[in-house]
PDB file of N, CA and C in Angstrom:
ATOM      1  N   MET A   1      -8.450  25.053  24.729  1.00  0.00           N
ATOM      2  CA  MET A   1      -8.166  24.969  23.023  1.00  0.00           C
ATOM      3  C   MET A   1      -8.736  24.046  22.790  1.00  0.00           C
ATOM      4  N   SER A   2      -8.192  23.255  23.119  1.00  0.00           N
ATOM      5  CA  SER A   2      -8.224  21.240  22.664  1.00  0.00           C
ATOM      6  C   SER A   2     -10.099  21.100  22.223  1.00  0.00           C
ATOM      7  N   LYS A   3     -10.465  21.768  22.913  1.00  0.00           N
ATOM      8  CA  LYS A   3     -12.476  22.087  23.120  1.00  0.00           C
ATOM      9  C   LYS A   3     -12.733  22.473  22.086  1.00  0.00           C
ATOM     10  N   ASP A   4     -12.239  23.130  21.167  1.00  0.00           N
ATOM     11  CA  ASP A   4     -12.669  23.738  19.684  1.00  0.00           C
ATOM     12  C   ASP A   4     -12.133  22.322  18.322  1.00  0.00           C
ATOM     13  N   LEU A   5     -11.327  21.821  18.795  1.00  0.00           N
ATOM     14  CA  LEU A   5     -11.102  20.506  17.568  1.00  0.00           C
ATOM     15  C   LEU A   5     -11.658  19.231  17.577  1.00  0.00           C
ATOM     16  N   PRO A   6     -12.336  18.627  16.911  1.00  0.00           N
ATOM     17  CA  PRO A   6     -12.747  17.695  16.528  1.00  0.00           C
ATOM     18  C   PRO A   6     -11.957  16.560  17.302  1.00  0.00           C
ATOM     19  N   THR A   7     -12.551  15.707  18.018  1.00  0.00           N
ATOM     20  CA  THR A   7     -11.813  14.617  18.710  1.00  0.00           C
ATOM     21  C   THR A   7     -11.296  13.381  17.981  1.00  0.00           C
ATOM     22  N   ASN A   8     -12.264  13.489  16.557  1.00  0.00           N
ATOM     23  CA  ASN A   8     -12.294  12.147  15.421  1.00  0.00           C
ATOM     24  C   ASN A   8     -10.914  12.389  14.639  1.00  0.00           C
ATOM     25  N   LEU A   9     -10.158  13.191  15.032  1.00  0.00           N
ATOM     26  CA  LEU A   9      -8.785  13.700  14.039  1.00  0.00           C
ATOM     27  C   LEU A   9      -7.485  13.528  14.539  1.00  0.00           C
ATOM     28  N   LEU A  10      -6.618  13.658  13.841  1.00  0.00           N
ATOM     29  CA  LEU A  10      -5.175  13.549  14.928  1.00  0.00           C
ATOM     30  C   LEU A  10      -4.699  15.252  13.844  1.00  0.00           C
ATOM     31  N   TYR A  11      -3.624  15.581  15.046  1.00  0.00           N
ATOM     32  CA  TYR A  11      -3.011  17.067  14.635  1.00  0.00           C
ATOM     33  C   TYR A  11      -1.411  16.874  14.656  1.00  0.00           C
ATOM     34  N   ASN A  12      -0.581  17.868  13.784  1.00  0.00           N
ATOM     35  CA  ASN A  12       1.031  17.537  13.715  1.00  0.00           C
ATOM     36  C   ASN A  12       0.829  19.485  14.412  1.00  0.00           C
ATOM     37  N   ASN A  13       2.493  19.652  14.678  1.00  0.00           N
ATOM     38  CA  ASN A  13       2.310  20.593  15.118  1.00  0.00           C
ATOM     39  C   ASN A  13       2.404  22.503  14.238  1.00  0.00           C
ATOM     40  N   ASP A  14       2.438  21.941  13.047  1.00  0.00           N
ATOM     41  CA  ASP A  14       1.705  23.013  12.185  1.00  0.00           C
ATOM     42  C   ASP A  14       0.688  23.441  11.755  1.00  0.00           C
ATOM     43  N   TYR A  15      -0.406  22.999  12.621  1.00  0.00           N
ATOM     44  CA  TYR A  15      -1.661  23.871  12.564  1.00  0.00           C
ATOM     45  C   TYR A  15      -2.624  22.522  11.178  1.00  0.00           C
ATOM     46  N   SER A  16      -2.078  21.401  10.675  1.00  0.00           N
ATOM     47  CA  SER A  16      -2.565  20.698  10.323  1.00  0.00           C
ATOM     48  C   SER A  16      -3.580  19.565  11.234  1.00  0.00           C
ATOM     49  N   TRP A  17      -5.122  19.647  10.402  1.00  0.00           N
ATOM     50  CA  TRP A  17      -5.558  18.116  10.897  1.00  0.00           C
ATOM     51  C   TRP A  17      -4.892  16.734   9.794  1.00  0.00           C
ATOM     52  N   VAL A  18      -5.550  15.876  10.237  1.00  0.00           N
ATOM     53  CA  VAL A  18      -5.269  14.370  10.064  1.00  0.00           C
ATOM     54  C   VAL A  18      -6.807  13.596  10.337  1.00  0.00           C
ATOM     55  N   LYS A  19      -6.973  13.313   9.100  1.00  0.00           N
ATOM     56  CA  LYS A  19      -7.742  12.335   9.247  1.00  0.00           C
ATOM     57  C   LYS A  19      -7.856  10.697   8.085  1.00  0.00           C
ATOM     58  N   ILE A  20      -7.579   9.554   8.799  1.00  0.00           N
ATOM     59  CA  ILE A  20      -7.107   8.707   7.924  1.00  0.00           C
ATOM     60  C   ILE A  20      -8.267   7.517   7.811  1.00  0.00           C
ATOM     61  N   GLU A  21      -8.047   7.134   6.942  1.00  0.00           N
ATOM     62  CA  GLU A  21      -9.211   6.188   6.335  1.00  0.00           C
ATOM     63  C   GLU A  21      -8.200   5.122   5.761  1.00  0.00           C
ATOM     64  N   ASP A  22      -7.992   4.084   5.722  1.00  0.00           N
ATOM     65  CA  ASP A  22      -6.961   2.780   5.269  1.00  0.00           C
ATOM     66  C   ASP A  22      -5.697   3.403   5.514  1.00  0.00           C
ATOM     67  N   ASP A  23      -5.702   3.746   4.368  1.00  0.00           N
ATOM     68  CA  ASP A  23      -4.180   3.776   3.833  1.00  0.00           C
ATOM     69  C   ASP A  23      -3.796   5.408   3.199  1.00  0.00           C
ATOM     70  N   VAL A  24      -5.203   6.182   3.682  1.00  0.00           N
ATOM     71  CA  VAL A  24      -5.317   7.079   2.985  1.00  0.00           C
ATOM     72  C   VAL A  24      -5.330   8.458   4.117  1.00  0.00           C
ATOM     73  N   ALA A  25      -4.646   9.257   4.149  1.00  0.00           N
ATOM     74  CA  ALA A  25      -4.538  10.722   4.871  1.00  0.00           C
ATOM     75  C   ALA A  25      -5.182  11.893   4.378  1.00  0.00           C
ATOM     76  N   ILE A  26      -6.082  12.494   5.213  1.00  0.00           N
ATOM     77  CA  ILE A  26      -6.799  13.837   4.773  1.00  0.00           C
ATOM     78  C   ILE A  26      -6.826  15.125   5.182  1.00  0.00           C
ATOM     79  N   LEU A  27      -5.683  15.729   4.964  1.00  0.00           N
ATOM     80  CA  LEU A  27      -5.270  16.818   5.309  1.00  0.00           C
ATOM     81  C   LEU A  27      -6.038  18.054   4.965  1.00  0.00           C
ATOM     82  N   GLY A  28      -5.672  19.335   6.207  1.00  0.00           N
ATOM     83  CA  GLY A  28      -6.401  20.445   6.027  1.00  0.00           C
ATOM     84  C   GLY A  28      -5.659  21.273   7.061  1.00  0.00           C
ATOM     85  N   ILE A  29      -6.429  22.229   7.333  1.00  0.00           N
ATOM     86  CA  ILE A  29      -5.548  23.319   9.003  1.00  0.00           C
ATOM     87  C   ILE A  29      -6.762  23.514   9.955  1.00  0.00           C
ATOM     88  N   ILE A  30      -6.303  23.410  10.504  1.00  0.00           N
ATOM     89  CA  ILE A  30      -7.283  23.751  12.076  1.00  0.00           C
ATOM     90  C   ILE A  30      -8.061  24.859  12.100  1.00  0.00           C
ATOM     91  N   LYS A  31      -9.391  25.069  12.372  1.00  0.00           N
ATOM     92  CA  LYS A  31     -10.210  26.232  12.559  1.00  0.00           C
ATOM     93  C   LYS A  31      -9.498  27.568  13.317  1.00  0.00           C
ATOM     94  N   PRO A  32      -9.122  27.429  14.729  1.00  0.00           N
ATOM     95  CA  PRO A  32      -8.568  28.500  15.476  1.00  0.00           C
ATOM     96  C   PRO A  32      -7.207  29.123  14.428  1.00  0.00           C
ATOM     97  N   ALA A  33      -6.478  28.028  13.561  1.00  0.00           N
ATOM     98  CA  ALA A  33      -5.395  29.137  12.997  1.00  0.00           C
ATOM     99  C   ALA A  33      -6.154  29.347  11.957  1.00  0.00           C
ATOM    100  N   CYS A  34      -7.343  29.063  11.009  1.00  0.00           N
ATOM    101  CA  CYS A  34      -8.074  29.885  10.348  1.00  0.00           C
ATOM    102  C   CYS A  34      -8.386  30.764  10.797  1.00  0.00           C
ATOM    103  N   ASP A  35      -9.409  30.889  12.018  1.00  0.00           N
ATOM    104  CA  ASP A  35      -9.956  32.215  12.560  1.00  0.00           C
ATOM    105  C   ASP A  35      -8.675  33.640  12.749  1.00  0.00           C
ATOM    106  N   LYS A  36      -7.347  32.992  13.132  1.00  0.00           N
ATOM    107  CA  LYS A  36      -6.327  34.508  13.274  1.00  0.00           C
ATOM    108  C   LYS A  36      -5.827  34.520  12.264  1.00  0.00           C
ATOM    109  N   ILE A  37      -5.834  34.008  11.031  1.00  0.00           N
ATOM    110  CA  ILE A  37      -6.154  34.846   9.716  1.00  0.00           C
ATOM    111  C   ILE A  37      -6.880  35.237   9.001  1.00  0.00           C
ATOM    112  N   GLU A  38      -8.165  35.187   9.199  1.00  0.00           N
ATOM    113  CA  GLU A  38      -9.589  35.684   8.753  1.00  0.00           C
ATOM    114  C   GLU A  38      -9.469  35.362   7.607  1.00  0.00           C
ATOM    115  N   GLU A  39      -9.212  35.385   6.175  1.00  0.00           N
ATOM    116  CA  GLU A  39      -9.507  35.539   5.559  1.00  0.00           C
ATOM    117  C   GLU A  39      -8.244  34.987   4.188  1.00  0.00           C
ATOM    118  N   PHE A  40      -8.242  33.635   3.646  1.00  0.00           N
ATOM    119  CA  PHE A  40      -7.402  32.934   3.086  1.00  0.00           C
ATOM    120  C   PHE A  40      -7.022  33.597   1.516  1.00  0.00           C
ATOM    121  N   VAL A  41      -7.039  34.237   0.687  1.00  0.00           N
ATOM    122  CA  VAL A  41      -6.654  34.633  -0.607  1.00  0.00           C
ATOM    123  C   VAL A  41      -5.878  33.835  -1.817  1.00  0.00           C
ATOM    124  N   PHE A  42      -5.227  32.536  -1.404  1.00  0.00           N
ATOM    125  CA  PHE A  42      -4.254  32.043  -2.189  1.00  0.00           C
ATOM    126  C   PHE A  42      -3.813  31.025  -2.085  1.00  0.00           C
ATOM    127  N   VAL A  43      -3.792  29.812  -2.450  1.00  0.00           N
ATOM    128  CA  VAL A  43      -3.616  28.456  -2.086  1.00  0.00           C
ATOM    129  C   VAL A  43      -2.750  28.094  -2.724  1.00  0.00           C
ATOM    130  N   LYS A  44      -1.982  27.316  -3.036  1.00  0.00           N
ATOM    131  CA  LYS A  44      -0.771  26.743  -3.734  1.00  0.00           C
ATOM    132  C   LYS A  44      -0.683  25.207  -3.036  1.00  0.00           C
ATOM    133  N   LEU A  45      -1.320  24.601  -4.202  1.00  0.00           N
ATOM    134  CA  LEU A  45      -1.731  22.751  -4.113  1.00  0.00           C
ATOM    135  C   LEU A  45      -0.669  22.188  -4.656  1.00  0.00           C
ATOM    136  N   PRO A  46      -0.424  20.920  -4.423  1.00  0.00           N
ATOM    137  CA  PRO A  46       0.292  19.664  -4.859  1.00  0.00           C
ATOM    138  C   PRO A  46       0.021  19.720  -5.506  1.00  0.00           C
ATOM    139  N   GLU A  47       0.748  18.897  -6.623  1.00  0.00           N
ATOM    140  CA  GLU A  47       0.153  18.606  -7.839  1.00  0.00           C
ATOM    141  C   GLU A  47      -0.399  17.069  -7.173  1.00  0.00           C
ATOM    142  N   LYS A  48      -1.618  16.403  -8.077  1.00  0.00           N
ATOM    143  CA  LYS A  48      -1.622  14.661  -7.895  1.00  0.00           C
ATOM    144  C   LYS A  48      -0.800  14.127  -8.350  1.00  0.00           C
ATOM    145  N   GLY A  49      -0.417  13.347  -7.917  1.00  0.00           N
ATOM    146  CA  GLY A  49       0.947  12.060  -8.232  1.00  0.00           C
ATOM    147  C   GLY A  49       2.280  12.359  -7.652  1.00  0.00           C
ATOM    148  N   GLN A  50       2.391  13.521  -7.464  1.00  0.00           N
ATOM    149  CA  GLN A  50       3.411  14.349  -7.038  1.00  0.00           C
ATOM    150  C   GLN A  50       3.503  12.861  -5.632  1.00  0.00           C
ATOM    151  N   LYS A  51       4.880  12.871  -5.230  1.00  0.00           N
ATOM    152  CA  LYS A  51       5.874  11.970  -4.138  1.00  0.00           C
ATOM    153  C   LYS A  51       5.624  13.024  -3.648  1.00  0.00           C
ATOM    154  N   ILE A  52       5.387  12.477  -1.829  1.00  0.00           N
ATOM    155  CA  ILE A  52       5.870  13.562  -1.172  1.00  0.00           C
ATOM    156  C   ILE A  52       6.342  13.081   0.639  1.00  0.00           C
ATOM    157  N   LYS A  53       7.676  13.386   1.172  1.00  0.00           N
ATOM    158  CA  LYS A  53       8.058  13.089   2.120  1.00  0.00           C
ATOM    159  C   LYS A  53       7.934  13.856   3.308  1.00  0.00           C
ATOM    160  N   ARG A  54       7.702  12.878   4.631  1.00  0.00           N
ATOM    161  CA  ARG A  54       7.598  13.771   5.567  1.00  0.00           C
ATOM    162  C   ARG A  54       8.190  14.540   6.361  1.00  0.00           C
ATOM    163  N   GLY A  55       7.571  16.092   6.397  1.00  0.00           N
ATOM    164  CA  GLY A  55       8.373  17.098   6.513  1.00  0.00           C
ATOM    165  C   GLY A  55       8.346  17.977   5.674  1.00  0.00           C
ATOM    166  N   GLU A  56       8.270  17.888   4.542  1.00  0.00           N
ATOM    167  CA  GLU A  56       7.928  18.622   3.096  1.00  0.00           C
ATOM    168  C   GLU A  56       6.374  19.175   2.831  1.00  0.00           C
ATOM    169  N   VAL A  57       7.190  20.696   2.495  1.00  0.00           N
ATOM    170  CA  VAL A  57       5.548  21.254   2.319  1.00  0.00           C
ATOM    171  C   VAL A  57       4.784  21.006   1.543  1.00  0.00           C
ATOM    172  N   TYR A  58       3.550  20.615   1.435  1.00  0.00           N
ATOM    173  CA  TYR A  58       2.343  19.821   0.773  1.00  0.00           C
ATOM    174  C   TYR A  58       1.827  21.045   0.118  1.00  0.00           C
ATOM    175  N   ALA A  59       1.338  22.229   1.268  1.00  0.00           N
ATOM    176  CA  ALA A  59       0.815  23.621   0.637  1.00  0.00           C
ATOM    177  C   ALA A  59       0.902  24.875   0.894  1.00  0.00           C
ATOM    178  N   SER A  60       0.949  25.898   0.186  1.00  0.00           N
ATOM    179  CA  SER A  60       1.523  27.210   0.719  1.00  0.00           C
ATOM    180  C   SER A  60      -0.145  27.674   0.823  1.00  0.00           C
ATOM    181  N   LEU A  61      -0.384  28.853   1.775  1.00  0.00           N
ATOM    182  CA  LEU A  61      -1.292  29.141   1.998  1.00  0.00           C
ATOM    183  C   LEU A  61      -1.108  30.881   2.191  1.00  0.00           C
ATOM    184  N   GLU A  62      -1.643  31.915   1.554  1.00  0.00           N
ATOM    185  CA  GLU A  62      -1.669  33.466   1.631  1.00  0.00           C
ATOM    186  C   GLU A  62      -3.019  34.280   2.372  1.00  0.00           C
ATOM    187  N   ALA A  63      -3.092  35.096   2.908  1.00  0.00           N
ATOM    188  CA  ALA A  63      -4.076  35.970   3.359  1.00  0.00           C
ATOM    189  C   ALA A  63      -3.243  37.561   3.104  1.00  0.00           C
ATOM    190  N   ILE A  64      -4.250  38.511   3.531  1.00  0.00           N
ATOM    191  CA  ILE A  64      -3.544  39.643   2.931  1.00  0.00           C
ATOM    192  C   ILE A  64      -2.533  39.673   3.844  1.00  0.00           C
ATOM    193  N   LYS A  65      -2.089  39.723   4.912  1.00  0.00           N
ATOM    194  CA  LYS A  65      -1.172  40.359   6.107  1.00  0.00           C
ATOM    195  C   LYS A  65      -0.418  38.947   6.526  1.00  0.00           C
ATOM    196  N   TRP A  66       0.028  37.785   5.257  1.00  0.00           N
ATOM    197  CA  TRP A  66      -0.116  36.510   6.124  1.00  0.00           C
ATOM    198  C   TRP A  66       0.338  35.329   5.194  1.00  0.00           C
ATOM    199  N   SER A  67       1.512  34.684   5.304  1.00  0.00           N
ATOM    200  CA  SER A  67       1.466  33.324   3.976  1.00  0.00           C
ATOM    201  C   SER A  67       2.192  32.831   4.648  1.00  0.00           C
ATOM    202  N   GLY A  68       2.007  31.553   4.582  1.00  0.00           N
ATOM    203  CA  GLY A  68       2.765  30.145   5.200  1.00  0.00           C
ATOM    204  C   GLY A  68       2.212  28.979   4.605  1.00  0.00           C
ATOM    205  N   HIS A  69       3.723  27.797   4.858  1.00  0.00           N
ATOM    206  CA  HIS A  69       3.508  26.443   4.450  1.00  0.00           C
ATOM    207  C   HIS A  69       2.869  25.294   5.452  1.00  0.00           C
ATOM    208  N   LEU A  70       2.282  24.547   4.572  1.00  0.00           N
ATOM    209  CA  LEU A  70       1.710  22.929   5.716  1.00  0.00           C
ATOM    210  C   LEU A  70       3.123  22.565   5.772  1.00  0.00           C
ATOM    211  N   SER A  71       3.435  21.609   6.115  1.00  0.00           N
ATOM    212  CA  SER A  71       4.558  20.609   6.339  1.00  0.00           C
ATOM    213  C   SER A  71       3.366  19.150   6.052  1.00  0.00           C
ATOM    214  N   SER A  72       3.942  18.274   5.502  1.00  0.00           N
ATOM    215  CA  SER A  72       3.302  16.689   5.474  1.00  0.00           C
ATOM    216  C   SER A  72       3.568  16.173   6.449  1.00  0.00           C
ATOM    217  N   PRO A  73       2.789  15.532   7.328  1.00  0.00           N
ATOM    218  CA  PRO A  73       3.061  14.284   8.524  1.00  0.00           C
ATOM    219  C   PRO A  73       3.388  13.177   7.677  1.00  0.00           C
ATOM    220  N   PHE A  74       2.702  13.191   6.238  1.00  0.00           N
ATOM    221  CA  PHE A  74       3.706  12.019   6.160  1.00  0.00           C
ATOM    222  C   PHE A  74       4.658  11.941   4.804  1.00  0.00           C
ATOM    223  N   THR A  75       4.977  10.284   4.670  1.00  0.00           N
ATOM    224  CA  THR A  75       5.337  10.290   3.306  1.00  0.00           C
ATOM    225  C   THR A  75       4.581   9.565   2.904  1.00  0.00           C
ATOM    226  N   GLY A  76       4.269   9.421   1.268  1.00  0.00           N
ATOM    227  CA  GLY A  76       3.621   8.910   0.602  1.00  0.00           C
ATOM    228  C   GLY A  76       3.088   9.872  -0.784  1.00  0.00           C
ATOM    229  N   GLU A  77       2.224   9.288  -1.369  1.00  0.00           N
ATOM    230  CA  GLU A  77       2.165   9.972  -2.822  1.00  0.00           C
ATOM    231  C   GLU A  77       0.141  10.672  -2.396  1.00  0.00           C
ATOM    232  N   ILE A  78       0.548  12.146  -3.043  1.00  0.00           N
ATOM    233  CA  ILE A  78      -0.738  12.931  -3.477  1.00  0.00           C
ATOM    234  C   ILE A  78      -1.543  12.194  -4.380  1.00  0.00           C
ATOM    235  N   ILE A  79      -2.606  11.839  -3.642  1.00  0.00           N
ATOM    236  CA  ILE A  79      -3.641  11.317  -4.747  1.00  0.00           C
ATOM    237  C   ILE A  79      -5.076  12.099  -5.348  1.00  0.00           C
ATOM    238  N   GLU A  80      -4.842  13.063  -4.340  1.00  0.00           N
ATOM    239  CA  GLU A  80      -5.970  14.111  -4.507  1.00  0.00           C
ATOM    240  C   GLU A  80      -5.627  15.560  -3.958  1.00  0.00           C
ATOM    241  N   VAL A  81      -5.814  16.865  -4.746  1.00  0.00           N
ATOM    242  CA  VAL A  81      -6.401  17.909  -4.365  1.00  0.00           C
ATOM    243  C   VAL A  81      -7.512  18.879  -4.357  1.00  0.00           C
ATOM    244  N   ASN A  82      -7.597  19.452  -3.140  1.00  0.00           N
ATOM    245  CA  ASN A  82      -9.098  19.963  -3.343  1.00  0.00           C
ATOM    246  C   ASN A  82      -8.618  21.066  -4.503  1.00  0.00           C
ATOM    247  N   GLU A  83      -9.470  21.336  -5.688  1.00  0.00           N
ATOM    248  CA  GLU A  83      -9.795  22.115  -6.748  1.00  0.00           C
ATOM    249  C   GLU A  83     -10.077  23.070  -6.233  1.00  0.00           C
ATOM    250  N   ASP A  84     -11.205  22.792  -5.454  1.00  0.00           N
ATOM    251  CA  ASP A  84     -12.342  24.062  -4.936  1.00  0.00           C
ATOM    252  C   ASP A  84     -11.966  25.334  -4.910  1.00  0.00           C
ATOM    253  N   ILE A  85     -11.077  24.557  -3.497  1.00  0.00           N
ATOM    254  CA  ILE A  85     -10.582  25.727  -2.608  1.00  0.00           C
ATOM    255  C   ILE A  85      -9.126  26.438  -3.162  1.00  0.00           C
ATOM    256  N   PHE A  86      -8.766  26.181  -4.648  1.00  0.00           N
ATOM    257  CA  PHE A  86      -7.772  26.610  -5.414  1.00  0.00           C
ATOM    258  C   PHE A  86      -8.564  27.483  -5.808  1.00  0.00           C
ATOM    259  N   ASP A  87      -9.978  27.788  -6.629  1.00  0.00           N
ATOM    260  CA  ASP A  87     -10.748  29.010  -7.027  1.00  0.00           C
ATOM    261  C   ASP A  87     -11.112  29.735  -5.948  1.00  0.00           C
ATOM    262  N   GLU A  88     -11.535  29.394  -5.073  1.00  0.00           N
ATOM    263  CA  GLU A  88     -12.085  29.729  -3.362  1.00  0.00           C
ATOM    264  C   GLU A  88     -11.640  29.450  -2.263  1.00  0.00           C
ATOM    265  N   PRO A  89     -10.256  30.360  -2.105  1.00  0.00           N
ATOM    266  CA  PRO A  89      -9.746  30.214  -1.179  1.00  0.00           C
ATOM    267  C   PRO A  89     -10.472  29.840   0.776  1.00  0.00           C
ATOM    268  N   SER A  90     -11.024  30.652   0.748  1.00  0.00           N
ATOM    269  CA  SER A  90     -12.118  31.212   1.493  1.00  0.00           C
ATOM    270  C   SER A  90     -12.805  30.061   2.211  1.00  0.00           C
ATOM    271  N   ILE A  91     -13.233  28.968   1.017  1.00  0.00           N
ATOM    272  CA  ILE A  91     -13.741  28.035   1.387  1.00  0.00           C
ATOM    273  C   ILE A  91     -13.174  27.259   3.239  1.00  0.00           C
ATOM    274  N   ILE A  92     -11.609  27.351   2.935  1.00  0.00           N
ATOM    275  CA  ILE A  92     -10.894  26.760   4.112  1.00  0.00           C
ATOM    276  C   ILE A  92     -11.272  27.650   5.245  1.00  0.00           C
ATOM    277  N   ASN A  93     -11.623  29.225   5.232  1.00  0.00           N
ATOM    278  CA  ASN A  93     -12.264  29.400   6.630  1.00  0.00           C
ATOM    279  C   ASN A  93     -13.693  28.970   6.816  1.00  0.00           C
ATOM    280  N   GLU A  94     -14.064  28.777   5.853  1.00  0.00           N
ATOM    281  CA  GLU A  94     -15.816  28.651   6.466  1.00  0.00           C
ATOM    282  C   GLU A  94     -16.161  27.468   6.393  1.00  0.00           C
ATOM    283  N   ASP A  95     -15.023  26.810   6.725  1.00  0.00           N
ATOM    284  CA  ASP A  95     -15.575  24.538   6.485  1.00  0.00           C
ATOM    285  C   ASP A  95     -14.401  23.873   6.441  1.00  0.00           C
ATOM    286  N   PRO A  96     -13.438  24.628   7.557  1.00  0.00           N
ATOM    287  CA  PRO A  96     -11.711  24.130   7.674  1.00  0.00           C
ATOM    288  C   PRO A  96     -11.920  22.092   8.240  1.00  0.00           C
ATOM    289  N   TYR A  97     -13.062  21.725   8.644  1.00  0.00           N
ATOM    290  CA  TYR A  97     -12.641  20.249   8.645  1.00  0.00           C
ATOM    291  C   TYR A  97     -13.907  19.399   7.880  1.00  0.00           C
ATOM    292  N   GLY A  98     -14.278  19.849   6.890  1.00  0.00           N
ATOM    293  CA  GLY A  98     -15.035  19.355   6.134  1.00  0.00           C
ATOM    294  C   GLY A  98     -14.962  19.692   4.362  1.00  0.00           C
ATOM    295  N   LYS A  99     -15.375  20.559   3.716  1.00  0.00           N
ATOM    296  CA  LYS A  99     -15.163  21.128   2.174  1.00  0.00           C
ATOM    297  C   LYS A  99     -14.025  22.200   2.328  1.00  0.00           C
ATOM    298  N   GLY A 100     -13.241  22.258   2.819  1.00  0.00           N
ATOM    299  CA  GLY A 100     -12.083  23.069   3.348  1.00  0.00           C
ATOM    300  C   GLY A 100     -10.340  22.177   3.214  1.00  0.00           C
ATOM    301  N   TRP A 101     -10.974  20.690   2.873  1.00  0.00           N
ATOM    302  CA  TRP A 101      -9.426  19.991   3.176  1.00  0.00           C
ATOM    303  C   TRP A 101      -9.212  20.444   1.937  1.00  0.00           C
ATOM    304  N   ILE A 102      -7.615  19.642   1.964  1.00  0.00           N
ATOM    305  CA  ILE A 102      -6.618  20.509   1.326  1.00  0.00           C
ATOM    306  C   ILE A 102      -5.739  19.603   0.014  1.00  0.00           C
ATOM    307  N   ALA A 103      -5.674  18.498   0.750  1.00  0.00           N
ATOM    308  CA  ALA A 103      -5.249  17.127   0.035  1.00  0.00           C
ATOM    309  C   ALA A 103      -5.210  16.063   0.800  1.00  0.00           C
ATOM    310  N   LYS A 104      -5.237  14.724  -0.226  1.00  0.00           N
ATOM    311  CA  LYS A 104      -5.024  13.371   0.351  1.00  0.00           C
ATOM    312  C   LYS A 104      -3.782  12.753   0.015  1.00  0.00           C
ATOM    313  N   ILE A 105      -3.143  11.576   0.610  1.00  0.00           N
ATOM    314  CA  ILE A 105      -1.892  11.279   0.566  1.00  0.00           C
ATOM    315  C   ILE A 105      -2.473   9.870   0.884  1.00  0.00           C
ATOM    316  N   LYS A 106      -1.712   8.786  -0.114  1.00  0.00           N
ATOM    317  CA  LYS A 106      -2.290   7.836   0.396  1.00  0.00           C
ATOM    318  C   LYS A 106      -0.533   7.452   0.705  1.00  0.00           C
ATOM    319  N   LEU A 107      -0.546   6.810   1.766  1.00  0.00           N
ATOM    320  CA  LEU A 107       0.557   6.786   2.838  1.00  0.00           C
ATOM    321  C   LEU A 107       1.459   5.315   2.662  1.00  0.00           C
ATOM    322  N   ALA A 108       2.816   5.551   2.963  1.00  0.00           N
ATOM    323  CA  ALA A 108       3.569   4.874   2.373  1.00  0.00           C
ATOM    324  C   ALA A 108       4.397   4.305   3.947  1.00  0.00           C
ATOM    325  N   ASN A 109       3.694   4.356   4.828  1.00  0.00           N
ATOM    326  CA  ASN A 109       4.293   4.243   5.939  1.00  0.00           C
ATOM    327  C   ASN A 109       2.801   4.453   7.566  1.00  0.00           C
ATOM    328  N   LYS A 110       2.515   4.036   7.735  1.00  0.00           N
ATOM    329  CA  LYS A 110       0.514   4.340   8.416  1.00  0.00           C
ATOM    330  C   LYS A 110       1.741   4.142   9.983  1.00  0.00           C
ATOM    331  N   GLU A 111       2.487   3.667  10.339  1.00  0.00           N
ATOM    332  CA  GLU A 111       3.469   4.672  11.240  1.00  0.00           C
ATOM    333  C   GLU A 111       3.732   5.208  11.914  1.00  0.00           C
ATOM    334  N   GLU A 112       3.794   6.566  10.914  1.00  0.00           N
ATOM    335  CA  GLU A 112       3.756   7.650  11.208  1.00  0.00           C
ATOM    336  C   GLU A 112       2.633   8.458  11.788  1.00  0.00           C
ATOM    337  N   LYS A 113       1.828   7.518  11.669  1.00  0.00           N
ATOM    338  CA  LYS A 113       0.746   8.568  12.859  1.00  0.00           C
ATOM    339  C   LYS A 113       1.214   8.609  13.800  1.00  0.00           C
ATOM    340  N   ASP A 114       2.011   7.489  14.427  1.00  0.00           N
ATOM    341  CA  ASP A 114       2.389   7.821  15.602  1.00  0.00           C
ATOM    342  C   ASP A 114       2.638   8.644  16.526  1.00  0.00           C
ATOM    343  N   ASP A 115       3.347  10.299  15.629  1.00  0.00           N
ATOM    344  CA  ASP A 115       4.160  11.459  15.941  1.00  0.00           C
ATOM    345  C   ASP A 115       2.812  12.170  15.848  1.00  0.00           C
ATOM    346  N   LEU A 116       1.567  11.661  15.215  1.00  0.00           N
ATOM    347  CA  LEU A 116       0.727  13.143  15.280  1.00  0.00           C
ATOM    348  C   LEU A 116       0.056  12.996  16.656  1.00  0.00           C
ATOM    349  N   VAL A 117      -0.883  13.965  17.431  1.00  0.00           N
ATOM    350  CA  VAL A 117      -1.327  14.329  18.456  1.00  0.00           C
ATOM    351  C   VAL A 117      -3.008  13.865  18.291  1.00  0.00           C
ATOM    352  N   SER A 118      -3.687  13.753  19.504  1.00  0.00           N
ATOM    353  CA  SER A 118      -4.866  13.758  19.670  1.00  0.00           C
ATOM    354  C   SER A 118      -5.450  15.116  19.891  1.00  0.00           C
ATOM    355  N   ALA A 119      -6.954  15.815  20.109  1.00  0.00           N
ATOM    356  CA  ALA A 119      -7.331  17.232  20.438  1.00  0.00           C
ATOM    357  C   ALA A 119      -6.838  17.289  21.583  1.00  0.00           C
ATOM    358  N   GLU A 120      -6.572  16.731  22.807  1.00  0.00           N
ATOM    359  CA  GLU A 120      -6.349  16.744  24.313  1.00  0.00           C
ATOM    360  C   GLU A 120      -5.007  17.285  24.145  1.00  0.00           C
ATOM    361  N   GLU A 121      -4.208  17.166  23.253  1.00  0.00           N
ATOM    362  CA  GLU A 121      -2.671  16.963  23.593  1.00  0.00           C
ATOM    363  C   GLU A 121      -2.170  18.291  22.818  1.00  0.00           C
ATOM    364  N   VAL A 122      -2.893  18.823  21.998  1.00  0.00           N
ATOM    365  CA  VAL A 122      -2.791  19.925  20.889  1.00  0.00           C
ATOM    366  C   VAL A 122      -2.367  21.338  22.285  1.00  0.00           C
ATOM    367  N   LYS A 123      -1.343  21.509  21.401  1.00  0.00           N
ATOM    368  CA  LYS A 123      -1.107  22.898  22.297  1.00  0.00           C
ATOM    369  C   LYS A 123      -2.057  24.278  21.792  1.00  0.00           C
ATOM    370  N   GLU A 124      -1.503  25.021  22.766  1.00  0.00           N
ATOM    371  CA  GLU A 124      -2.210  26.609  22.049  1.00  0.00           C
ATOM    372  C   GLU A 124      -1.911  26.864  21.158  1.00  0.00           C
ATOM    373  N   VAL A 125      -2.903  27.455  20.048  1.00  0.00           N
ATOM    374  CA  VAL A 125      -2.476  28.297  19.188  1.00  0.00           C
ATOM    375  C   VAL A 125      -1.953  29.413  19.373  1.00  0.00           C
TER     376      VAL A 125
END
């Protein structure tokens, strides 16, 4: 499974990928999870400026026969959300590591990234 995941990203245990750029984390959902779900039909995004604690839900996703939540791997502030996926949730399925990113968080504690894993360490989806 890990061979399908980009090696330049980090991952948490709820199918989220994380890209860290300085003190900002970009968050999205991994492609193997997107493939299982087939097509997202609704996304509830966090509010820009919202403070979030590690472990809190930052996004809710719905498909025809599935719904779920993504938990933040970080404490910080939502500084940007991907408005394009609100209007077209299928972008997540089409390009989960690019145009399908979900939110950006300004990190309050960069050491929290130590709890994330590499592509090689990800467990089977």
